[in-house]
Protein backbone atom coordinates (compact mmCIF):
# COMPACT_ATOMS: atom_id res chain seq x y z
CA UNK A 1 -55.52 -28.99 -43.50
CA UNK A 2 -56.93 -31.62 -46.15
CA UNK A 3 -56.41 -30.77 -49.98
CA UNK A 4 -58.99 -31.20 -52.43
CA UNK A 5 -58.22 -31.80 -55.97
CA UNK A 6 -58.65 -28.64 -57.41
CA UNK A 7 -56.13 -27.38 -54.92
CA UNK A 8 -53.74 -29.84 -55.27
CA UNK A 9 -54.52 -29.03 -59.31
CA UNK A 10 -52.92 -25.97 -58.66
CA UNK A 11 -50.23 -26.49 -56.32
CA UNK A 12 -48.64 -29.34 -58.98
CA UNK A 13 -49.18 -26.45 -61.94
CA UNK A 14 -46.97 -23.92 -59.52
CA UNK A 15 -44.62 -26.37 -58.73
CA UNK A 16 -44.26 -27.23 -62.35
CA UNK A 17 -43.50 -23.76 -63.89
CA UNK A 18 -40.34 -23.81 -61.30
CA UNK A 19 -39.09 -27.22 -62.59
CA UNK A 20 -36.86 -26.47 -66.06
CA UNK A 21 -37.73 -30.28 -67.01
CA UNK A 22 -40.20 -32.22 -66.26
CA UNK A 23 -40.11 -34.95 -63.36
CA UNK A 24 -39.54 -38.76 -63.83
CA UNK A 25 -41.44 -39.27 -61.11
CA UNK A 26 -43.31 -37.79 -58.09
CA UNK A 27 -42.90 -38.40 -53.91
CA UNK A 28 -46.16 -37.28 -52.07
CA UNK A 29 -48.05 -38.34 -48.95
CA UNK A 30 -50.85 -40.82 -49.34
CA UNK A 31 -53.94 -38.22 -49.46
CA UNK A 32 -55.80 -39.54 -52.55
CA UNK A 33 -56.34 -35.67 -54.11
CA UNK A 34 -52.65 -35.54 -54.99
CA UNK A 35 -52.84 -38.63 -57.50
CA UNK A 36 -56.27 -37.50 -58.74
CA UNK A 37 -54.34 -34.03 -59.72
CA UNK A 38 -51.86 -36.36 -61.21
CA UNK A 39 -53.80 -38.14 -63.26
CA UNK A 40 -55.23 -35.32 -64.75
CA UNK A 41 -51.96 -32.78 -65.14
CA UNK A 42 -49.25 -35.60 -65.78
CA UNK A 43 -50.46 -39.14 -66.33
CA UNK A 44 -47.23 -40.30 -67.53
CA UNK A 45 -45.06 -39.50 -64.81
CA UNK A 46 -44.94 -42.47 -61.93
CA UNK A 47 -46.17 -41.89 -58.52
CA UNK A 48 -45.25 -42.83 -55.28
CA UNK A 49 -47.19 -42.53 -52.60
CA UNK A 50 -45.68 -43.42 -49.04
CA UNK A 51 -44.69 -42.48 -45.49
CA UNK A 52 -41.19 -42.14 -44.92
CA UNK A 53 -40.24 -41.13 -48.89
CA UNK A 54 -41.69 -37.51 -48.41
CA UNK A 55 -39.33 -36.94 -45.52
CA UNK A 56 -37.68 -34.11 -47.11
CA UNK A 57 -40.16 -32.18 -48.03
CA UNK A 58 -42.38 -32.77 -44.53
CA UNK A 59 -39.24 -31.79 -42.81
CA UNK A 60 -38.90 -28.20 -44.23
CA UNK A 61 -42.11 -27.29 -42.61
CA UNK A 62 -40.60 -27.92 -38.76
CA UNK A 63 -40.16 -24.86 -38.20
CA UNK A 64 -44.03 -24.03 -38.69
CA UNK A 65 -44.72 -26.66 -36.94
CA UNK A 66 -42.98 -25.20 -33.81
CA UNK A 67 -44.51 -22.22 -34.42
CA UNK A 68 -48.18 -23.93 -34.52
CA UNK A 69 -47.37 -25.80 -31.11
CA UNK A 70 -46.05 -22.73 -29.45
CA UNK A 71 -48.90 -20.52 -30.47
CA UNK A 72 -51.72 -22.76 -28.67
CA UNK A 73 -51.56 -21.14 -25.49
CA UNK A 74 -51.84 -17.84 -26.84
CA UNK A 75 -55.15 -16.15 -27.78
CA UNK A 76 -53.40 -13.95 -30.88
CA UNK A 77 -50.52 -14.33 -32.78
CA UNK A 78 -49.41 -10.73 -31.27
CA UNK A 79 -49.34 -11.42 -27.89
CA UNK A 80 -47.10 -14.80 -28.97
CA UNK A 81 -44.81 -12.55 -30.96
CA UNK A 82 -44.54 -10.14 -27.81
CA UNK A 83 -43.98 -12.78 -25.34
CA UNK A 84 -41.10 -14.76 -27.99
CA UNK A 85 -39.10 -11.62 -28.16
CA UNK A 86 -38.65 -10.86 -24.85
CA UNK A 87 -38.00 -15.01 -23.94
CA UNK A 88 -35.46 -14.82 -27.01
CA UNK A 89 -33.79 -12.30 -25.86
CA UNK A 90 -33.82 -13.72 -21.78
CA UNK A 91 -33.03 -17.05 -22.79
CA UNK A 92 -29.79 -15.81 -24.07
CA UNK A 93 -28.56 -14.84 -20.79
CA UNK A 94 -30.00 -18.05 -18.96
CA UNK A 95 -28.61 -20.61 -21.45
CA UNK A 96 -25.51 -22.32 -20.73
CA UNK A 97 -23.57 -23.76 -23.30
CA UNK A 98 -19.80 -24.31 -22.62
CA UNK A 99 -17.37 -23.88 -24.90
CA UNK A 100 -13.91 -26.14 -25.51
CA UNK A 101 -12.25 -24.22 -23.41
CA UNK A 102 -14.78 -25.14 -20.36
CA UNK A 103 -14.24 -28.57 -20.65
CA UNK A 104 -11.64 -30.54 -17.72
């Protein structure tokens, strides 16, 4: 989903309210709306737009990305949820994880 500057401004304001003190720098992906919003809200803060520096924030979206990928084959989220509930219960029965005692 692309963010426009207005949405990025709202996001920055919400994030700044949660902080105790003002940040020294901001690290985002290379989307231009983040830079535009930063210039309007906090012009004195440094901004680094880099692909690799934001990995910690991007990795927190991983469970969501996995769910999105799984959702592609289903028509609705309800049918996906019904499948996942049954599949996760069955997966425990058939997946084999040897413990320390099972090693030769």
